[in-house]
Amino acid sequence: MSQSPSECFSHALSSLDKADLVTSDRRHLLHPQHHPSDSADPFVWVHGDGVFLTDIDGRRVIDGLSGMWNVSLGHGRRELVDAATRQLSRLAFSTAYAGATHPPAIALADRLAGLVPPSIHAFYFTSGGGEATDSSIRTARYYWRALGKSAKTTVIARELSYHGSTLGAASATGVAEFSEVFGPRLPGFHHIASPYPYRFTSAPGDRRSIGEAAADLLEEAIVRIGPHNVAAFIAEPIQGGGGGIIVPTDDYFPRIRAICDRYDVLLIADEVITGFGRTGRWFGLDHWGVRPDIMQFAKGITSGYIPLGGMGVSERIKSVLDGAPPERRWWHGYTNSAHPVACAVALETIRVLDEEGLVERAARQGARLLQHLRNALADHPNVGDIRGQGLLVGLELVADRPSKERFAASDAIGERVRRELLKRGLYTRVLPDIICLAPPLVTPEQVIDQIADIVVTSIEAVLPR
């Protein structure tokens, strides 16, 4: 009897040891943010179950970052597999270019319209977050050009932001490493400081709050560049991978919205990490009641089970797209735009998030995790800041707490802490001095407490009081 493809794969896997796999990996694979030094002894993941990952050596660890901030429903959710299988057997692919459509895309756009901020009216689907960023930027520029304001092309972003790795998205990203080794960013991008409450410093005598002062940097930049030249401001509601979970003060985004309105600048909300319940609300900007002109998303919309991203635009933007002459249409699209299988999985993901109350659960579990960490580490001399919103939490380590002095790179604090976390069964991202935590929204209370205990004991192991 012949074996199925999955059986053949399982047999092949069992017949190879880790050394063989790693040798083949190093010979033929280029990884995201590739460097061979990181692949000398990589994890070879072979199984996921709930909030746990298992590697080829049988090591089982807590997935403390939900894969890459995206596996919100945990691993092995049968409902998502079944949704993909049903759609694959019915219609595996069809184009969604103008003049064609299919039910999963229509249903997903309709469902999203009832979840997003009221300002968002219509949706375009991509394969991921980087494509969503490029789509948002191109749409903002198209919009102003269609209105006869062709000089409005500059996009203002923030330092320590992350918007993706395509050429346009990396130009918006405010972390230099993602651009400088490839040459200069594209022209037309400008960066301002982030609203980083722990490290933001105002001028002596400045009576403004941190949020007000940080937001006013946008106004200063718009005035300096010229409002007639600025198309959009793009911002993550909470800065994730680039900044290490930077949560703005409550007065920041309302002021940003007012500034954008004052100077006729579009506000693009990058909800790729913060969307679909991660912060304890459906979308990050919901915490402040701020309505964007464009909202982009990815990651949690399918719980990472299949690639999907996209953007939503306001009714005034859609009306401009709809009113353009055919020869001046919105010439933008990808082969996999609105992929039917991805749309079907997204619909099922949203159903599970809603019916299981996981958005509200994220708020509760995130508060539990923060409280546990603060109770245990609030007086630790090397823990400078413990911050978060929902199940998006960051702990910033410092060499000296009163001065907020950072550790020297040669201290390798992040790597040493990461090894201790792994030793105790937690796999997550550790920036040079910030531990990032974003476990699945389905994480049980006892595992939330376990994550906190592992973080506490790992910090104590590397930085004893």
Protein backbone atom coordinates (compact mmCIF):
# COMPACT_ATOMS: atom_id res chain seq x y z
CA MET A 1 0.00 0.00 0.00
CA SER A 2 1.37 3.41 -0.97
CA GLN A 3 1.93 6.02 1.73
CA SER A 4 0.19 9.38 1.84
CA PRO A 5 2.37 12.49 1.53
CA SER A 6 2.03 13.18 5.27
CA GLU A 7 3.04 9.59 6.08
CA CYS A 8 6.03 9.90 3.77
CA PHE A 9 7.04 13.12 5.52
CA SER A 10 6.69 11.55 8.97
CA HIS A 11 8.76 8.57 7.88
CA ALA A 12 11.43 10.82 6.41
CA LEU A 13 11.51 12.87 9.60
CA SER A 14 11.91 9.84 11.80
CA SER A 15 14.73 8.53 9.63
CA LEU A 16 16.77 11.72 9.99
CA ASP A 17 18.52 12.91 13.08
CA LYS A 18 18.88 16.53 14.04
CA ALA A 19 22.41 16.76 12.72
CA ASP A 20 21.28 15.73 9.22
CA LEU A 21 18.46 18.25 9.24
CA VAL A 22 20.68 21.08 10.47
CA THR A 23 23.32 20.29 7.84
CA SER A 24 20.70 20.45 5.10
CA ASP A 25 19.23 23.62 6.61
CA ARG A 26 22.58 25.39 6.65
CA ARG A 27 23.29 24.35 3.07
CA HIS A 28 20.03 25.36 1.41
CA LEU A 29 17.89 27.63 3.61
CA LEU A 30 18.01 31.40 4.04
CA HIS A 31 16.19 32.41 7.20
CA PRO A 32 14.54 35.70 8.14
CA GLN A 33 17.29 37.98 9.50
CA HIS A 34 19.72 35.34 8.29
CA HIS A 35 23.11 34.67 9.79
CA PRO A 36 24.70 31.20 9.96
CA SER A 37 25.91 31.77 13.52
CA ASP A 38 22.28 31.54 14.64
CA SER A 39 21.82 28.18 12.94
CA ALA A 40 24.69 26.29 14.53
CA ASP A 41 22.29 24.61 16.95
CA PRO A 42 18.77 25.72 16.00
CA PHE A 43 15.47 24.55 17.36
CA VAL A 44 13.91 22.07 14.97
CA TRP A 45 10.23 22.32 15.86
CA VAL A 46 8.16 19.26 15.05
CA HIS A 47 4.95 19.61 17.08
CA GLY A 48 2.65 22.19 18.60
CA ASP A 49 -0.08 21.52 21.15
CA GLY A 50 -2.08 24.29 22.77
CA VAL A 51 0.43 26.73 24.27
CA PHE A 52 3.38 24.33 23.94
CA LEU A 53 6.01 23.62 21.29
CA THR A 54 8.07 20.43 21.02
CA ASP A 55 11.37 20.16 19.19
CA ILE A 56 13.00 17.18 17.52
CA ASP A 57 14.88 16.34 20.73
CA GLY A 58 11.59 15.98 22.59
CA ARG A 59 12.02 19.22 24.53
CA ARG A 60 8.60 20.75 25.32
CA VAL A 61 8.45 24.47 26.07
CA ILE A 62 5.83 27.17 26.55
CA ASP A 63 5.38 29.29 23.43
CA GLY A 64 5.82 32.63 25.15
CA LEU A 65 5.56 34.74 21.97
CA SER A 66 2.66 32.95 20.23
CA GLY A 67 5.02 31.95 17.44
CA MET A 68 5.73 35.43 16.09
CA TRP A 69 3.01 37.30 18.02
CA ASN A 70 0.41 35.52 15.87
CA VAL A 71 -0.69 32.09 17.16
CA SER A 72 -3.42 33.58 19.33
CA LEU A 73 -5.57 30.44 19.51
CA GLY A 74 -2.63 28.17 20.29
CA HIS A 75 -1.39 25.19 18.32
CA GLY A 76 -3.48 22.32 17.02
CA ARG A 77 -6.90 23.99 16.83
CA ARG A 78 -8.93 21.52 14.83
CA GLU A 79 -11.53 24.12 13.84
CA LEU A 80 -8.96 26.09 11.84
CA VAL A 81 -7.60 22.99 10.15
CA ASP A 82 -11.14 21.93 9.22
CA ALA A 83 -11.98 25.38 7.87
CA ALA A 84 -8.93 25.29 5.62
CA THR A 85 -9.66 21.74 4.49
CA ARG A 86 -13.27 22.53 3.60
CA GLN A 87 -12.25 25.53 1.56
CA LEU A 88 -9.38 23.68 -0.12
CA SER A 89 -11.76 20.99 -1.28
CA ARG A 90 -14.35 23.54 -2.46
CA LEU A 91 -12.19 26.24 -4.09
CA ALA A 92 -8.48 26.22 -3.39
CA PHE A 93 -7.75 29.42 -5.28
CA SER A 94 -9.38 32.04 -7.43
CA THR A 95 -8.29 35.53 -8.31
CA ALA A 96 -9.84 38.44 -6.47
CA TYR A 97 -8.72 41.03 -9.01
CA ALA A 98 -11.33 43.53 -10.21
CA GLY A 99 -14.08 41.72 -12.06
CA ALA A 100 -13.88 38.57 -9.90
CA THR A 101 -14.67 37.70 -6.30
CA HIS A 102 -15.55 34.77 -4.03
CA PRO A 103 -17.72 34.18 -0.93
CA PRO A 104 -14.95 33.86 1.72
CA ALA A 105 -13.52 37.30 0.89
CA ILE A 106 -16.96 38.90 0.82
CA ALA A 107 -17.92 37.29 4.14
CA LEU A 108 -14.64 38.27 5.81
CA ALA A 109 -14.90 41.91 4.72
CA ASP A 110 -18.48 42.01 5.97
CA ARG A 111 -17.49 40.46 9.32
CA LEU A 112 -14.60 42.86 9.79
CA ALA A 113 -16.83 45.84 9.13
CA GLY A 114 -18.64 45.03 12.38
CA LEU A 115 -15.43 44.75 14.44
CA VAL A 116 -13.17 47.60 13.39
CA PRO A 117 -13.40 51.25 14.47
CA PRO A 118 -16.40 52.96 12.84
CA SER A 119 -14.17 55.04 10.58
CA ILE A 120 -13.06 51.96 8.61
CA HIS A 121 -15.36 51.01 5.77
CA ALA A 122 -13.74 48.72 3.15
CA PHE A 123 -10.95 46.14 3.11
CA TYR A 124 -8.11 44.89 0.93
CA PHE A 125 -6.39 41.59 1.75
CA THR A 126 -2.69 40.75 1.41
CA SER A 127 -0.46 37.83 2.37
CA GLY A 128 1.01 39.48 5.45
CA GLY A 129 1.95 42.60 7.37
CA GLY A 130 4.75 43.91 5.17
CA GLU A 131 2.48 43.84 2.14
CA ALA A 132 -0.19 45.54 4.22
CA THR A 133 2.22 48.38 5.06
CA ASP A 134 3.14 48.86 1.40
CA SER A 135 -0.56 48.80 0.50
CA SER A 136 -1.35 51.45 3.12
CA ILE A 137 1.46 53.75 1.98
CA ARG A 138 0.61 53.40 -1.71
CA THR A 139 -3.06 54.00 -0.94
CA ALA A 140 -2.32 57.16 1.05
CA ARG A 141 -0.21 58.54 -1.80
CA TYR A 142 -2.79 57.50 -4.39
CA TYR A 143 -5.54 59.22 -2.43
CA TRP A 144 -3.83 62.59 -2.31
CA ARG A 145 -2.70 62.39 -5.92
CA ALA A 146 -6.24 61.61 -7.04
CA LEU A 147 -7.38 64.74 -5.19
CA GLY A 148 -4.84 66.84 -7.05
CA LYS A 149 -2.40 67.08 -4.13
CA SER A 150 0.45 65.15 -5.70
CA ALA A 151 3.11 66.70 -3.46
CA LYS A 152 1.66 64.92 -0.41
CA THR A 153 3.93 61.85 -0.48
CA THR A 154 6.01 61.98 2.72
CA VAL A 155 5.24 59.36 5.36
CA ILE A 156 6.12 60.12 8.97
CA ALA A 157 6.83 57.14 11.23
CA ARG A 158 8.47 56.65 14.63
CA GLU A 159 11.81 55.48 15.91
CA LEU A 160 11.72 51.95 17.37
CA SER A 161 8.73 51.09 15.18
CA TYR A 162 8.49 47.94 13.07
CA HIS A 163 6.30 47.85 9.96
CA GLY A 164 7.79 45.00 7.92
CA SER A 165 10.73 44.03 5.73
CA THR A 166 9.63 44.89 2.21
CA LEU A 167 11.46 47.88 0.74
CA GLY A 168 8.65 50.31 1.54
CA ALA A 169 7.81 48.82 4.93
CA ALA A 170 11.47 48.74 5.98
CA SER A 171 11.76 52.41 5.03
CA ALA A 172 8.91 53.15 7.43
CA THR A 173 10.41 50.92 10.13
CA GLY A 174 12.27 52.95 12.74
CA VAL A 175 15.00 50.42 13.59
CA ALA A 176 18.14 51.23 11.65
CA GLU A 177 19.38 47.64 11.39
CA PHE A 178 16.54 46.75 9.04
CA SER A 179 17.72 49.28 6.48
CA GLU A 180 21.34 50.34 6.82
CA VAL A 181 22.95 47.09 5.62
CA PHE A 182 20.86 47.32 2.43
CA GLY A 183 21.63 50.95 1.70
CA PRO A 184 19.55 54.05 2.37
CA ARG A 185 15.84 54.01 3.03
CA LEU A 186 13.59 55.07 0.20
CA PRO A 187 13.13 58.85 -0.01
CA GLY A 188 9.97 60.30 1.44
CA PHE A 189 10.15 58.83 4.93
CA HIS A 190 10.74 60.79 8.13
CA HIS A 191 11.00 59.53 11.72
CA ILE A 192 10.19 61.12 15.06
CA ALA A 193 10.82 59.88 18.60
CA SER A 194 8.48 57.29 20.11
CA PRO A 195 6.16 57.99 23.06
CA TYR A 196 8.37 55.87 25.33
CA PRO A 197 7.16 56.72 28.86
CA TYR A 198 10.11 55.06 30.59
CA ARG A 199 12.77 56.89 28.56
CA PHE A 200 11.12 59.94 26.97
CA THR A 201 12.69 63.16 28.21
CA SER A 202 11.26 66.65 27.75
CA ALA A 203 13.21 69.87 27.80
CA PRO A 204 13.77 71.45 31.24
CA GLY A 205 10.75 73.47 32.26
CA ASP A 206 8.43 71.78 29.78
CA ARG A 207 5.06 71.49 31.54
CA ARG A 208 3.51 69.17 28.96
CA SER A 209 2.85 65.53 29.79
CA ILE A 210 4.97 62.86 28.11
CA GLY A 211 2.09 62.02 25.79
CA GLU A 212 1.54 65.64 24.81
CA ALA A 213 5.23 66.30 24.23
CA ALA A 214 5.70 63.12 22.20
CA ALA A 215 2.61 63.82 20.09
CA ASP A 216 3.70 67.40 19.45
CA LEU A 217 6.82 66.02 17.74
CA LEU A 218 4.47 65.00 14.93
CA GLU A 219 3.13 68.54 14.60
CA GLU A 220 6.66 69.96 14.59
CA ALA A 221 7.68 67.52 11.84
CA ILE A 222 4.61 68.29 9.71
CA VAL A 223 5.22 72.03 9.98
CA ARG A 224 8.93 71.62 9.20
CA ILE A 225 8.32 69.36 6.16
CA GLY A 226 5.25 71.32 5.09
CA PRO A 227 1.68 70.00 5.43
CA HIS A 228 1.33 70.10 1.64
CA ASN A 229 4.11 67.46 1.46
CA VAL A 230 2.93 65.01 4.16
CA ALA A 231 0.64 62.14 3.16
CA ALA A 232 0.35 60.09 6.34
CA PHE A 233 1.55 59.25 9.82
CA ILE A 234 1.93 55.50 10.49
CA ALA A 235 2.05 54.15 14.04
CA GLU A 236 1.58 50.95 16.01
CA PRO A 237 -0.87 51.51 18.90
CA ILE A 238 1.65 49.64 21.07
CA GLN A 239 5.14 49.22 19.65
CA GLY A 240 6.05 45.55 19.67
CA GLY A 241 9.12 43.91 18.19
CA GLY A 242 11.03 47.09 17.45
CA GLY A 243 10.53 48.89 20.72
CA GLY A 244 10.03 46.10 23.20
CA ILE A 245 6.35 46.69 24.08
CA ILE A 246 6.09 50.47 24.33
CA VAL A 247 2.67 51.45 25.71
CA PRO A 248 1.87 55.15 25.20
CA THR A 249 0.19 57.29 27.82
CA ASP A 250 -3.57 57.75 27.43
CA ASP A 251 -3.31 61.29 26.10
CA TYR A 252 -0.99 60.45 23.19
CA PHE A 253 -3.21 59.07 20.43
CA PRO A 254 -6.15 61.46 20.91
CA ARG A 255 -3.67 64.32 20.45
CA ILE A 256 -2.15 62.55 17.41
CA ARG A 257 -5.61 62.28 15.84
CA ALA A 258 -6.22 66.00 16.39
CA ILE A 259 -2.88 66.92 14.82
CA CYS A 260 -3.55 64.76 11.77
CA ASP A 261 -6.95 66.42 11.36
CA ARG A 262 -5.47 69.90 11.76
CA TYR A 263 -2.96 69.42 8.95
CA ASP A 264 -4.95 67.10 6.68
CA VAL A 265 -2.65 64.10 7.22
CA LEU A 266 -3.95 60.51 7.11
CA LEU A 267 -3.52 58.40 10.25
CA ILE A 268 -2.45 54.82 9.50
CA ALA A 269 -2.84 52.44 12.45
CA ASP A 270 -0.52 49.44 12.22
CA GLU A 271 -2.52 46.80 14.09
CA VAL A 272 -0.48 43.85 12.80
CA ILE A 273 0.55 42.80 16.33
CA THR A 274 -2.11 44.57 18.37
CA GLY A 275 -5.15 43.49 16.34
CA PHE A 276 -7.61 40.69 17.09
CA GLY A 277 -7.61 40.70 20.85
CA ARG A 278 -3.93 40.77 21.71
CA THR A 279 -4.23 43.85 23.95
CA GLY A 280 -7.58 42.97 25.54
CA ARG A 281 -9.60 44.89 22.94
CA TRP A 282 -10.32 43.86 19.36
CA PHE A 283 -7.86 46.50 18.17
CA GLY A 284 -5.23 48.55 19.94
CA LEU A 285 -6.64 51.99 19.15
CA ASP A 286 -9.92 50.91 20.75
CA HIS A 287 -8.28 51.64 24.12
CA TRP A 288 -8.36 55.36 23.34
CA GLY A 289 -11.42 55.57 21.10
CA VAL A 290 -9.29 56.89 18.23
CA ARG A 291 -10.48 56.35 14.67
CA PRO A 292 -7.83 55.87 11.98
CA ASP A 293 -8.13 56.64 8.27
CA ILE A 294 -6.34 53.43 7.32
CA MET A 295 -5.90 50.38 9.53
CA GLN A 296 -3.60 47.49 8.64
CA PHE A 297 -3.60 44.01 10.15
CA ALA A 298 -2.14 40.48 9.82
CA LYS A 299 -0.81 37.85 12.29
CA GLY A 300 -3.73 37.15 14.65
CA ILE A 301 -6.41 37.34 11.96
CA THR A 302 -5.72 33.66 11.14
CA SER A 303 -3.90 32.77 14.36
CA GLY A 304 -0.88 32.22 12.12
CA TYR A 305 -2.29 29.05 10.60
CA ILE A 306 -2.10 30.47 7.09
CA PRO A 307 -0.65 33.77 5.84
CA LEU A 308 -3.09 36.67 5.60
CA GLY A 309 -2.90 40.41 6.12
CA GLY A 310 -4.69 43.45 4.86
CA MET A 311 -5.83 46.98 5.36
CA GLY A 312 -9.11 48.76 5.92
CA VAL A 313 -9.81 52.25 4.62
CA SER A 314 -12.31 54.97 5.46
CA GLU A 315 -15.36 55.68 3.35
CA ARG A 316 -13.83 58.90 2.05
CA ILE A 317 -10.78 57.00 0.78
CA LYS A 318 -12.91 54.29 -0.82
CA SER A 319 -15.05 56.92 -2.53
CA VAL A 320 -11.94 58.35 -4.16
CA LEU A 321 -10.88 54.90 -5.37
CA ASP A 322 -14.40 54.22 -6.64
CA GLY A 323 -14.61 57.58 -8.40
CA ALA A 324 -11.36 57.38 -10.35
CA PRO A 325 -11.54 56.97 -14.14
CA PRO A 326 -10.66 53.41 -15.27
CA GLU A 327 -7.30 54.44 -16.71
CA ARG A 328 -6.34 56.11 -13.38
CA ARG A 329 -7.53 53.27 -11.19
CA TRP A 330 -5.76 52.02 -8.05
CA TRP A 331 -3.13 49.94 -9.87
CA HIS A 332 -2.24 47.73 -6.92
CA GLY A 333 -2.58 43.99 -6.28
CA TYR A 334 -0.93 40.70 -5.39
CA THR A 335 -1.54 37.23 -6.77
CA ASN A 336 -2.66 36.00 -3.35
CA SER A 337 -4.83 39.01 -2.50
CA ALA A 338 -7.91 37.68 -0.66
CA HIS A 339 -6.79 34.06 -0.94
CA PRO A 340 -9.99 32.04 -0.37
CA VAL A 341 -8.42 29.51 2.03
CA ALA A 342 -6.84 32.25 4.14
CA CYS A 343 -10.13 34.17 4.25
CA ALA A 344 -11.98 31.02 5.37
CA VAL A 345 -9.48 30.43 8.18
CA ALA A 346 -9.75 34.09 9.22
CA LEU A 347 -13.52 33.82 9.50
CA GLU A 348 -13.17 30.77 11.73
CA THR A 349 -10.50 32.45 13.85
CA ILE A 350 -12.75 35.45 14.43
CA ARG A 351 -15.64 33.14 15.32
CA VAL A 352 -13.55 31.36 17.96
CA LEU A 353 -12.19 34.62 19.38
CA ASP A 354 -15.73 35.94 19.71
CA GLU A 355 -17.57 32.85 20.96
CA GLU A 356 -14.90 31.89 23.49
CA GLY A 357 -14.58 35.46 24.81
CA LEU A 358 -10.83 35.44 24.21
CA VAL A 359 -10.52 39.19 23.72
CA GLU A 360 -11.88 39.85 27.19
CA ARG A 361 -9.86 36.92 28.51
CA ALA A 362 -6.66 38.50 27.17
CA ALA A 363 -7.38 41.60 29.26
CA ARG A 364 -7.82 39.52 32.41
CA GLN A 365 -4.87 37.21 31.84
CA GLY A 366 -2.62 40.10 30.89
CA ALA A 367 -3.51 41.94 34.09
CA ARG A 368 -2.76 38.75 36.05
CA LEU A 369 0.64 38.35 34.39
CA LEU A 370 1.57 42.00 34.96
CA GLN A 371 0.51 41.91 38.60
CA HIS A 372 2.46 38.72 39.27
CA LEU A 373 5.61 40.19 37.71
CA ARG A 374 5.26 43.51 39.49
CA ASN A 375 4.66 41.87 42.85
CA ALA A 376 7.83 39.83 42.48
CA LEU A 377 10.15 42.27 40.72
CA ALA A 378 9.00 45.81 41.52
CA ASP A 379 11.95 46.34 43.87
CA HIS A 380 14.58 44.43 41.88
CA PRO A 381 17.58 46.73 41.34
CA ASN A 382 17.97 45.66 37.70
CA VAL A 383 14.33 45.69 36.62
CA GLY A 384 13.68 49.18 35.37
CA ASP A 385 10.18 48.90 33.90
CA ILE A 386 7.39 46.32 33.72
CA ARG A 387 4.77 47.35 31.18
CA GLY A 388 2.06 45.95 28.98
CA GLN A 389 -1.50 45.92 27.74
CA GLY A 390 -3.43 42.67 27.62
CA LEU A 391 -1.22 39.73 26.70
CA LEU A 392 1.54 41.98 25.41
CA VAL A 393 4.09 42.49 28.18
CA GLY A 394 7.64 43.78 28.36
CA LEU A 395 10.24 43.85 31.14
CA GLU A 396 13.16 46.22 30.70
CA LEU A 397 16.41 45.33 32.46
CA VAL A 398 18.89 48.02 33.44
CA ALA A 399 22.41 48.12 34.82
CA ASP A 400 21.43 50.87 37.25
CA ARG A 401 17.85 51.55 38.22
CA PRO A 402 18.08 55.19 39.43
CA SER A 403 19.87 56.37 36.27
CA LYS A 404 18.18 53.86 33.90
CA GLU A 405 21.65 53.07 32.55
CA ARG A 406 21.61 50.25 30.00
CA PHE A 407 23.83 47.20 30.21
CA ALA A 408 26.89 47.15 27.98
CA ALA A 409 26.54 44.96 24.90
CA SER A 410 29.50 42.93 26.14
CA ASP A 411 27.45 41.88 29.19
CA ALA A 412 25.17 39.86 26.85
CA ILE A 413 22.38 40.19 29.41
CA GLY A 414 19.62 39.39 26.93
CA GLU A 415 21.25 36.19 25.73
CA ARG A 416 22.05 35.05 29.26
CA VAL A 417 18.44 35.62 30.35
CA ARG A 418 17.13 33.88 27.23
CA ARG A 419 19.17 30.77 28.07
CA GLU A 420 17.81 30.74 31.61
CA LEU A 421 14.24 31.07 30.33
CA LEU A 422 14.78 28.13 27.99
CA LYS A 423 16.35 26.06 30.74
CA ARG A 424 13.11 26.50 32.70
CA GLY A 425 10.82 25.81 29.74
CA LEU A 426 9.90 29.20 28.25
CA TYR A 427 10.64 30.15 24.64
CA THR A 428 10.22 33.84 23.79
CA ARG A 429 11.99 36.87 22.37
CA VAL A 430 14.56 38.74 24.43
CA LEU A 431 15.86 41.97 22.94
CA PRO A 432 19.24 43.15 24.27
CA ASP A 433 17.64 44.32 27.51
CA ILE A 434 13.89 43.68 27.19
CA ILE A 435 12.01 40.43 27.77
CA CYS A 436 8.96 40.29 25.47
CA LEU A 437 5.96 38.16 26.42
CA ALA A 438 2.93 37.50 24.22
CA PRO A 439 1.59 34.02 24.98
CA PRO A 440 -1.50 32.67 23.19
CA LEU A 441 -4.82 34.17 24.26
CA VAL A 442 -5.94 30.67 25.32
CA THR A 443 -3.12 30.31 27.88
CA PRO A 444 -4.56 28.86 31.13
CA GLU A 445 -4.13 30.74 34.40
CA GLN A 446 -1.73 28.16 35.79
CA VAL A 447 0.53 28.58 32.76
CA ILE A 448 0.32 32.38 33.05
CA ASP A 449 1.57 31.99 36.62
CA GLN A 450 4.24 29.54 35.44
CA ILE A 451 5.47 32.04 32.83
CA ALA A 452 5.75 34.72 35.51
CA ASP A 453 7.61 32.36 37.87
CA ILE A 454 10.04 31.37 35.10
CA VAL A 455 10.76 35.00 34.26
CA VAL A 456 11.34 35.88 37.92
CA THR A 457 13.68 32.97 38.64
CA SER A 458 15.55 33.50 35.35
CA ILE A 459 16.21 37.15 36.12
CA GLU A 460 17.31 36.25 39.64
CA ALA A 461 19.68 33.61 38.22
CA VAL A 462 21.41 36.13 35.94
CA LEU A 463 21.05 39.21 38.13
CA PRO A 464 20.87 38.17 41.78
CA ARG A 465 19.86 40.91 44.20
